[in-house]
Amino acid sequence: MFRKLSSYDEALEALERFFPSSPVGVEEVSISDACGRVSAEDVKSPISIPPFDRAIVDGYAVKASDVYYAEEDRPAVLKTLGSVKVGEEPKISVSKGCAVEVMTGAQMPKGADAAVMVEYTERRGEDLLVYRSVTVGENVMKKGSDIEVGETLVKRGTLLSPFEVGMLAAVGLKTVKVYKKPRIAIVSTGPELVSPGEKLPPGKIYDINSYTLESSVKLCGGDVKYLCRVEDDPEAIRNSLLKAIHEADLIVTSGGVSVGPYDLIPKVLDELGKPGVILSGIAIKPGKPTTFALVDDKPVFALPGQPTSALLTFYLFVRPVIMRMAGMKATPLKRVRAVVDRRIFPAKGRRTFVTVTLRRERGRLVASPVPKGLSGAIKTLAKADGFIEILENQQFIDEGEETTVYLMKSLDEMEVQT
């Protein structure tokens, strides 16, 4: 039998009280491996960008005062001294009445304070005719105008994207300190499970949860270091959990948490170490058998075996803990407002989560409950765009009523019908 069911709010309080809220550690990685990692430090620029005044057009570096009165019918005439190519240090300086040819991105020679676009010039031997005036600084990107030396480029806690990685490369940084990815173990129980790709014997099913949970762990910043399936045998479960606890920072199991004779996970967890099981059973639907434990200071989340229940409870309880351990902010799932297209009833006395699909009708989002079936139904898992939360004291959500949908996919990923 279940112990006394904890409320959903009590389960959330247990997450805050018993489980880690800080990163597991810091490591230094190459910027090539930094995308998707979380910065563990404020990163300051060691140089200015650009590191020199540079031309932003193909043309000529000049003194603006020399071409101040230049017009199409009265060009300024300057003497050309040579050219500066991209990537080379200028060996020439610009004196009064002179010009130096420059290419886009080239360092401006000393003495020049502007650049004239080549379209407004004409070469006649060593003479340069300039048909348009420029102001000081025109067509020149000043040193440090993009990034100043000592400027903070990345704040601690930033999830590094290709854009931040590009900034680090631009200032010459080869490595960056990031938070270590928490090591996660996934243990799926059940004698009926077979690996995808293997022949499916009678009475067996392909293992779904190992792969949906592994993918979900990666999306929230974790690194799956141990993945196994084990039959419903106390000693086999015990050995697998001991190995998982030894190798990982956090353990997720699926199956074996209900009230059947082969639902052994809570009992084994209680035997492995104190405090053991923190709560077993939450007043939610789906996901009632969900169990939290703490063994050797390692969080253990024992989730139901049904695929939809396992994934939903992962999003509700496991995701925020892994994100905090990875140095991320445990941001709530993104939400949208949508109207429901039928009346939805909750389970009596339980916080109810109803998976829905989304579509657009007349400029608004409409949520439709995924057709009811067993909580292990595969289509339920694949079709769901998000879920609706119904409180314990709510009688129902009425047809046409607007409610909040918590997204399990981004709107870009969805096939939102119009």
Protein backbone atom coordinates (compact mmCIF):
# COMPACT_ATOMS: atom_id res chain seq x y z
CA MET A 1 0.00 0.00 0.00
CA PHE A 2 1.03 3.61 -0.50
CA ARG A 3 2.05 5.63 2.47
CA LYS A 4 -0.12 8.68 3.05
CA LEU A 5 -0.31 10.58 -0.21
CA SER A 6 1.48 13.91 -0.22
CA SER A 7 -0.21 16.85 -1.87
CA TYR A 8 1.30 18.39 -4.97
CA ASP A 9 2.35 21.45 -2.97
CA GLU A 10 3.97 19.25 -0.32
CA ALA A 11 5.93 17.49 -3.07
CA LEU A 12 7.22 20.83 -4.34
CA GLU A 13 8.21 21.80 -0.78
CA ALA A 14 10.14 18.52 -0.48
CA LEU A 15 12.07 19.39 -3.64
CA GLU A 16 13.18 22.66 -2.10
CA ARG A 17 13.94 21.17 1.30
CA PHE A 18 15.81 17.97 0.48
CA PHE A 19 17.31 18.29 -2.99
CA PRO A 20 20.29 20.26 -4.35
CA SER A 21 19.84 23.90 -5.28
CA SER A 22 23.43 24.60 -6.35
CA PRO A 23 25.68 23.43 -9.20
CA VAL A 24 27.68 20.21 -8.85
CA GLY A 25 31.01 21.84 -9.77
CA VAL A 26 33.04 23.92 -12.23
CA GLU A 27 35.27 22.90 -15.11
CA GLU A 28 37.18 24.69 -17.86
CA VAL A 29 36.26 23.73 -21.42
CA SER A 30 37.30 24.74 -24.91
CA ILE A 31 35.02 27.30 -26.50
CA SER A 32 34.41 24.64 -29.17
CA ASP A 33 32.57 22.65 -26.49
CA ALA A 34 30.98 25.59 -24.68
CA CYS A 35 27.70 25.96 -26.58
CA GLY A 36 24.81 24.82 -24.41
CA ARG A 37 26.88 25.04 -21.23
CA VAL A 38 26.38 27.53 -18.39
CA SER A 39 29.08 30.09 -17.64
CA ALA A 40 30.47 29.74 -14.12
CA GLU A 41 32.13 33.17 -14.14
CA ASP A 42 31.77 36.72 -15.34
CA VAL A 43 33.90 36.80 -18.49
CA LYS A 44 35.64 40.12 -19.22
CA SER A 45 37.27 41.07 -22.48
CA PRO A 46 41.09 41.13 -22.42
CA ILE A 47 41.20 43.38 -25.50
CA SER A 48 39.24 46.04 -27.31
CA ILE A 49 37.16 45.15 -30.36
CA PRO A 50 38.00 46.27 -32.87
CA PRO A 51 41.59 46.38 -31.57
CA PHE A 52 42.31 49.31 -33.91
CA ASP A 53 40.44 51.93 -35.91
CA ARG A 54 39.33 50.16 -39.08
CA ALA A 55 37.75 51.10 -42.37
CA ILE A 56 34.24 49.82 -42.96
CA VAL A 57 34.24 50.57 -46.70
CA ASP A 58 36.50 50.02 -49.67
CA GLY A 59 37.97 53.42 -50.47
CA TYR A 60 40.57 55.87 -49.21
CA ALA A 61 41.71 56.94 -45.76
CA VAL A 62 41.87 60.73 -45.62
CA LYS A 63 41.86 63.74 -43.35
CA ALA A 64 38.24 64.94 -43.33
CA SER A 65 39.42 68.56 -43.43
CA ASP A 66 41.08 67.93 -46.83
CA VAL A 67 37.77 67.03 -48.50
CA TYR A 68 35.45 69.27 -46.51
CA TYR A 69 34.41 71.29 -49.60
CA ALA A 70 34.52 68.43 -52.13
CA GLU A 71 31.58 68.36 -54.53
CA GLU A 72 30.74 66.55 -57.74
CA ASP A 73 31.59 69.57 -59.91
CA ARG A 74 34.51 70.68 -57.71
CA PRO A 75 36.42 67.63 -56.46
CA ALA A 76 39.20 67.75 -53.92
CA VAL A 77 42.53 66.58 -55.32
CA LEU A 78 44.76 64.45 -53.06
CA LYS A 79 48.01 62.60 -53.56
CA THR A 80 47.87 58.80 -53.10
CA LEU A 81 50.65 57.32 -50.98
CA GLY A 82 49.92 53.59 -51.28
CA SER A 83 47.48 51.07 -49.85
CA VAL A 84 46.70 49.06 -46.71
CA LYS A 85 45.31 45.55 -47.07
CA VAL A 86 43.17 43.66 -44.59
CA GLY A 87 45.31 41.94 -41.96
CA GLU A 88 48.43 44.05 -42.34
CA GLU A 89 49.81 46.82 -40.16
CA PRO A 90 49.99 50.17 -41.97
CA LYS A 91 53.51 51.31 -42.81
CA ILE A 92 52.22 54.62 -44.16
CA SER A 93 50.73 57.61 -42.39
CA VAL A 94 48.36 60.14 -43.91
CA SER A 95 49.62 63.70 -44.01
CA LYS A 96 47.74 66.81 -45.13
CA GLY A 97 46.65 66.63 -48.77
CA CYS A 98 47.26 62.88 -49.03
CA ALA A 99 45.23 59.66 -49.10
CA VAL A 100 45.89 55.93 -48.62
CA GLU A 101 43.82 53.24 -50.29
CA VAL A 102 42.09 50.93 -47.77
CA MET A 103 39.89 47.87 -47.98
CA THR A 104 36.91 47.03 -45.81
CA GLY A 105 38.26 45.80 -42.46
CA ALA A 106 41.74 47.24 -42.95
CA GLN A 107 43.46 49.14 -40.15
CA MET A 108 43.31 52.88 -40.64
CA PRO A 109 46.75 54.46 -41.12
CA LYS A 110 47.93 57.09 -38.66
CA GLY A 111 46.86 60.62 -39.48
CA ALA A 112 43.60 59.59 -41.18
CA ASP A 113 40.31 60.34 -39.45
CA ALA A 114 37.77 59.31 -42.11
CA ALA A 115 37.35 57.10 -45.16
CA VAL A 116 35.85 58.03 -48.53
CA MET A 117 33.97 55.33 -50.43
CA VAL A 118 35.67 54.33 -53.68
CA GLU A 119 32.45 55.13 -55.57
CA TYR A 120 33.00 58.84 -54.88
CA THR A 121 36.60 58.93 -56.09
CA GLU A 122 38.57 58.78 -59.32
CA ARG A 123 42.23 57.87 -59.79
CA ARG A 124 44.36 59.86 -62.24
CA GLY A 125 47.86 58.54 -61.91
CA GLU A 126 49.04 59.39 -58.39
CA ASP A 127 46.26 61.93 -57.98
CA LEU A 128 42.94 61.09 -56.37
CA LEU A 129 39.84 63.12 -57.16
CA VAL A 130 37.28 63.09 -54.35
CA TYR A 131 33.74 64.12 -55.32
CA ARG A 132 32.08 64.01 -51.91
CA SER A 133 32.94 65.36 -48.47
CA VAL A 134 33.14 63.23 -45.31
CA THR A 135 33.01 64.09 -41.64
CA VAL A 136 35.46 63.04 -38.95
CA GLY A 137 34.91 59.37 -38.11
CA GLU A 138 32.77 58.67 -41.18
CA ASN A 139 33.12 55.11 -42.50
CA VAL A 140 35.49 54.27 -39.64
CA MET A 141 34.84 51.83 -36.80
CA LYS A 142 36.73 53.21 -33.82
CA LYS A 143 38.90 51.06 -31.56
CA GLY A 144 36.78 49.62 -28.75
CA SER A 145 33.51 50.84 -30.25
CA ASP A 146 32.15 47.29 -30.25
CA ILE A 147 33.79 45.87 -27.11
CA GLU A 148 35.95 47.76 -24.62
CA VAL A 149 38.85 46.13 -22.80
CA GLY A 150 37.59 44.95 -19.40
CA GLU A 151 33.96 44.96 -20.51
CA THR A 152 31.84 42.09 -19.17
CA LEU A 153 30.90 39.91 -22.11
CA VAL A 154 29.14 37.06 -20.33
CA LYS A 155 27.63 37.05 -16.86
CA ARG A 156 27.85 34.08 -14.55
CA GLY A 157 24.84 31.83 -15.08
CA THR A 158 24.48 32.61 -18.78
CA LEU A 159 23.49 29.71 -21.01
CA LEU A 160 26.08 29.97 -23.77
CA SER A 161 24.72 30.14 -27.31
CA PRO A 162 26.66 30.40 -30.59
CA PHE A 163 26.51 34.18 -30.17
CA GLU A 164 28.32 34.20 -26.81
CA VAL A 165 30.82 31.63 -28.08
CA GLY A 166 31.50 33.92 -31.04
CA MET A 167 32.18 36.84 -28.68
CA LEU A 168 34.65 34.78 -26.69
CA ALA A 169 36.47 33.80 -29.88
CA ALA A 170 36.47 37.43 -31.07
CA VAL A 171 38.45 38.54 -28.02
CA GLY A 172 40.90 35.65 -28.26
CA LEU A 173 39.65 33.45 -25.43
CA LYS A 174 40.25 29.76 -26.06
CA THR A 175 38.58 28.36 -22.94
CA VAL A 176 35.82 29.32 -20.52
CA LYS A 177 34.82 28.11 -17.06
CA VAL A 178 31.42 26.45 -17.02
CA TYR A 179 29.36 24.49 -14.52
CA LYS A 180 29.80 20.76 -14.74
CA LYS A 181 26.90 18.83 -16.16
CA PRO A 182 25.28 16.76 -13.42
CA ARG A 183 25.79 13.04 -14.00
CA ILE A 184 22.44 11.31 -14.28
CA ALA A 185 21.61 7.61 -14.02
CA ILE A 186 18.44 6.15 -15.53
CA VAL A 187 17.20 2.76 -14.37
CA SER A 188 14.14 1.25 -16.05
CA THR A 189 12.52 -1.76 -14.43
CA GLY A 190 10.41 -4.55 -15.87
CA PRO A 191 10.97 -7.98 -17.41
CA GLU A 192 8.84 -6.98 -20.40
CA LEU A 193 11.29 -4.40 -21.77
CA VAL A 194 13.31 -4.94 -24.95
CA SER A 195 15.81 -2.56 -26.57
CA PRO A 196 14.74 -0.90 -29.83
CA GLY A 197 16.32 -2.74 -32.75
CA GLU A 198 16.00 -6.15 -31.13
CA LYS A 199 13.46 -8.75 -32.18
CA LEU A 200 10.25 -8.39 -30.15
CA PRO A 201 9.31 -11.69 -28.47
CA PRO A 202 5.70 -12.42 -27.45
CA GLY A 203 4.63 -10.57 -24.33
CA LYS A 204 7.43 -8.01 -24.59
CA ILE A 205 7.39 -4.28 -25.40
CA TYR A 206 10.08 -1.92 -26.56
CA ASP A 207 11.66 0.28 -23.90
CA ILE A 208 10.35 3.83 -24.27
CA ASN A 209 11.12 5.50 -20.97
CA SER A 210 14.89 5.07 -21.09
CA TYR A 211 14.99 7.11 -24.27
CA THR A 212 12.39 9.77 -23.49
CA LEU A 213 14.00 10.35 -20.10
CA GLU A 214 17.53 10.38 -21.52
CA SER A 215 16.48 12.96 -24.12
CA SER A 216 14.75 15.06 -21.47
CA VAL A 217 17.81 14.95 -19.20
CA LYS A 218 19.99 16.30 -22.02
CA LEU A 219 17.53 19.12 -22.74
CA CYS A 220 17.76 20.40 -19.16
CA GLY A 221 21.54 20.29 -18.88
CA GLY A 222 22.31 16.81 -17.56
CA ASP A 223 24.65 14.12 -18.85
CA VAL A 224 23.43 10.52 -18.74
CA LYS A 225 26.34 8.44 -17.44
CA TYR A 226 24.52 5.23 -16.55
CA LEU A 227 21.56 3.72 -18.39
CA CYS A 228 20.26 0.27 -17.63
CA ARG A 229 17.21 -1.97 -17.56
CA VAL A 230 16.64 -4.42 -14.77
CA GLU A 231 14.05 -7.10 -14.07
CA ASP A 232 11.73 -7.03 -11.09
CA ASP A 233 14.15 -8.78 -8.76
CA PRO A 234 15.09 -7.16 -5.43
CA GLU A 235 18.77 -8.08 -5.62
CA ALA A 236 19.11 -6.99 -9.26
CA ILE A 237 17.38 -3.69 -8.50
CA ARG A 238 19.56 -3.18 -5.43
CA ASN A 239 22.78 -3.77 -7.37
CA SER A 240 21.71 -1.47 -10.21
CA LEU A 241 20.77 1.31 -7.80
CA LEU A 242 24.03 0.95 -5.87
CA LYS A 243 25.99 1.31 -9.10
CA ALA A 244 23.84 4.26 -10.16
CA ILE A 245 24.37 5.98 -6.80
CA HIS A 246 28.12 5.42 -7.09
CA GLU A 247 28.39 6.79 -10.64
CA ALA A 248 25.80 9.57 -10.76
CA ASP A 249 24.79 12.78 -9.00
CA LEU A 250 21.08 12.10 -9.46
CA ILE A 251 19.14 8.92 -10.22
CA VAL A 252 15.87 8.52 -12.12
CA THR A 253 14.00 5.23 -12.19
CA SER A 254 10.85 4.29 -14.07
CA GLY A 255 8.46 1.53 -13.10
CA GLY A 256 8.24 -0.53 -9.94
CA VAL A 257 6.67 2.15 -7.74
CA SER A 258 3.00 1.20 -7.59
CA VAL A 259 1.38 -1.28 -5.17
CA GLY A 260 1.81 -4.55 -7.03
CA PRO A 261 3.92 -7.48 -5.80
CA TYR A 262 6.70 -6.54 -8.24
CA ASP A 263 6.75 -2.85 -7.42
CA LEU A 264 9.93 -3.01 -5.38
CA ILE A 265 11.70 0.32 -5.85
CA PRO A 266 10.51 2.16 -2.68
CA LYS A 267 11.31 -0.83 -0.45
CA VAL A 268 14.81 -1.22 -1.92
CA LEU A 269 15.49 2.52 -1.65
CA ASP A 270 14.57 2.48 2.02
CA GLU A 271 17.12 -0.27 2.60
CA LEU A 272 19.99 1.46 0.81
CA GLY A 273 20.58 4.36 3.17
CA LYS A 274 19.08 7.14 5.23
CA PRO A 275 16.85 9.04 4.98
CA GLY A 276 15.75 6.78 2.11
CA VAL A 277 12.24 7.42 0.88
CA ILE A 278 11.11 10.97 1.59
CA LEU A 279 7.64 10.63 0.13
CA SER A 280 5.91 7.83 -1.72
CA GLY A 281 2.78 8.72 -3.60
CA ILE A 282 1.56 12.17 -4.61
CA ALA A 283 -2.07 13.24 -4.97
CA ILE A 284 -1.74 13.96 -8.69
CA LYS A 285 -3.07 12.43 -11.88
CA PRO A 286 -1.25 11.01 -13.71
CA GLY A 287 1.78 10.15 -11.60
CA LYS A 288 0.26 9.09 -8.27
CA PRO A 289 3.00 6.48 -7.47
CA THR A 290 5.87 8.98 -7.87
CA THR A 291 8.44 8.55 -5.10
CA PHE A 292 11.26 10.80 -3.86
CA ALA A 293 14.27 9.44 -1.99
CA LEU A 294 17.67 10.58 -0.80
CA VAL A 295 20.45 7.99 -0.55
CA ASP A 296 24.03 8.98 0.36
CA ASP A 297 23.00 12.59 -0.35
CA LYS A 298 22.04 11.56 -3.90
CA PRO A 299 18.52 12.51 -5.08
CA VAL A 300 16.50 9.60 -6.41
CA PHE A 301 13.27 10.12 -8.33
CA ALA A 302 11.25 6.94 -8.82
CA LEU A 303 8.74 7.65 -11.57
CA PRO A 304 5.81 5.57 -12.81
CA GLY A 305 6.40 3.11 -15.64
CA GLN A 306 3.68 4.38 -17.95
CA PRO A 307 5.37 6.60 -20.57
CA THR A 308 3.08 9.63 -20.28
CA SER A 309 3.15 9.53 -16.48
CA ALA A 310 6.94 9.16 -16.43
CA LEU A 311 7.55 12.09 -18.76
CA LEU A 312 5.01 14.38 -17.11
CA THR A 313 6.39 13.75 -13.62
CA PHE A 314 9.90 14.30 -14.95
CA TYR A 315 8.86 17.76 -16.17
CA LEU A 316 7.10 18.55 -12.90
CA PHE A 317 9.71 17.37 -10.40
CA VAL A 318 13.02 16.22 -11.89
CA ARG A 319 13.63 18.92 -14.49
CA PRO A 320 13.99 21.84 -12.02
CA VAL A 321 16.44 19.91 -9.83
CA ILE A 322 18.68 18.94 -12.76
CA MET A 323 18.61 22.51 -14.07
CA ARG A 324 19.77 23.89 -10.71
CA MET A 325 22.51 21.25 -10.50
CA ALA A 326 23.63 22.32 -14.00
CA GLY A 327 23.90 25.96 -12.91
CA MET A 328 20.75 27.04 -14.72
CA LYS A 329 17.81 28.93 -13.34
CA ALA A 330 14.99 26.46 -12.80
CA THR A 331 12.71 28.41 -15.08
CA PRO A 332 9.10 27.28 -15.26
CA LEU A 333 7.87 25.73 -18.46
CA LYS A 334 6.77 28.31 -21.00
CA ARG A 335 3.08 29.05 -20.89
CA VAL A 336 0.43 30.23 -23.30
CA ARG A 337 -3.22 31.08 -22.86
CA ALA A 338 -5.72 28.99 -24.80
CA VAL A 339 -9.43 28.22 -24.74
CA VAL A 340 -10.50 24.62 -24.26
CA ASP A 341 -12.83 23.08 -26.81
CA ARG A 342 -14.71 20.87 -24.36
CA ARG A 343 -15.47 20.57 -20.66
CA ILE A 344 -12.61 18.92 -18.74
CA PHE A 345 -13.11 17.20 -15.37
CA PRO A 346 -10.29 16.58 -12.87
CA ALA A 347 -9.68 13.48 -10.78
CA LYS A 348 -11.45 13.89 -7.45
CA GLY A 349 -9.16 15.22 -4.73
CA ARG A 350 -6.04 15.23 -6.89
CA ARG A 351 -4.10 17.87 -8.79
CA THR A 352 -4.84 16.86 -12.37
CA PHE A 353 -2.68 17.41 -15.43
CA VAL A 354 -4.37 16.94 -18.79
CA THR A 355 -2.24 16.64 -21.92
CA VAL A 356 -3.50 18.73 -24.83
CA THR A 357 -2.83 19.54 -28.45
CA LEU A 358 -2.96 23.14 -29.67
CA ARG A 359 -4.38 24.63 -32.84
CA ARG A 360 -5.21 28.12 -34.04
CA GLU A 361 -8.77 29.17 -34.75
CA ARG A 362 -9.71 32.72 -35.69
CA GLY A 363 -6.48 34.15 -34.30
CA ARG A 364 -6.53 32.39 -30.94
CA LEU A 365 -5.06 29.18 -29.55
CA VAL A 366 -7.46 26.34 -28.85
CA ALA A 367 -6.52 23.46 -26.56
CA SER A 368 -7.95 20.03 -27.14
CA PRO A 369 -7.40 17.18 -24.64
CA VAL A 370 -5.51 14.27 -26.14
CA PRO A 371 -8.05 11.43 -26.52
CA LYS A 372 -8.31 9.45 -23.32
CA GLY A 373 -6.63 6.10 -23.05
CA LEU A 374 -4.32 4.36 -20.69
CA SER A 375 -1.64 6.62 -19.24
CA GLY A 376 0.87 4.48 -21.12
CA ALA A 377 -0.67 5.19 -24.53
CA ILE A 378 2.07 6.06 -27.01
CA LYS A 379 0.00 8.50 -29.08
CA THR A 380 -0.82 10.44 -25.92
CA LEU A 381 2.88 10.97 -25.39
CA ALA A 382 3.71 11.87 -28.99
CA LYS A 383 0.76 14.14 -29.74
CA ALA A 384 0.82 16.28 -26.61
CA ASP A 385 1.96 19.87 -27.09
CA GLY A 386 1.56 20.68 -23.42
CA PHE A 387 -0.67 20.17 -20.43
CA ILE A 388 -3.35 21.94 -18.43
CA GLU A 389 -3.28 22.00 -14.64
CA ILE A 390 -6.57 21.63 -12.74
CA LEU A 391 -6.54 22.34 -9.01
CA GLU A 392 -7.94 19.96 -6.42
CA ASN A 393 -10.86 22.25 -5.59
CA GLN A 394 -11.88 22.93 -9.19
CA GLN A 395 -15.01 21.18 -10.41
CA PHE A 396 -14.07 21.45 -14.08
CA ILE A 397 -12.77 23.73 -16.82
CA ASP A 398 -15.72 24.63 -19.00
CA GLU A 399 -15.87 24.54 -22.78
CA GLY A 400 -14.75 27.90 -24.17
CA GLU A 401 -13.00 28.87 -20.94
CA GLU A 402 -9.51 30.35 -21.25
CA THR A 403 -6.80 28.59 -19.28
CA THR A 404 -3.02 28.25 -19.07
CA VAL A 405 -1.24 25.60 -21.11
CA TYR A 406 2.27 24.59 -19.99
CA LEU A 407 4.28 23.84 -23.10
CA MET A 408 6.22 20.60 -23.47
CA LYS A 409 7.27 21.71 -26.95
CA SER A 410 8.08 25.16 -28.30
CA LEU A 411 5.45 26.73 -30.52
CA ASP A 412 7.93 26.44 -33.39
CA GLU A 413 8.09 22.66 -32.92
CA MET A 414 4.35 22.23 -32.91
CA GLU A 415 2.22 21.60 -35.91
CA VAL A 416 -0.21 24.30 -34.78
CA GLN A 417 -3.02 24.11 -37.29
CA THR A 418 -4.46 27.34 -38.61
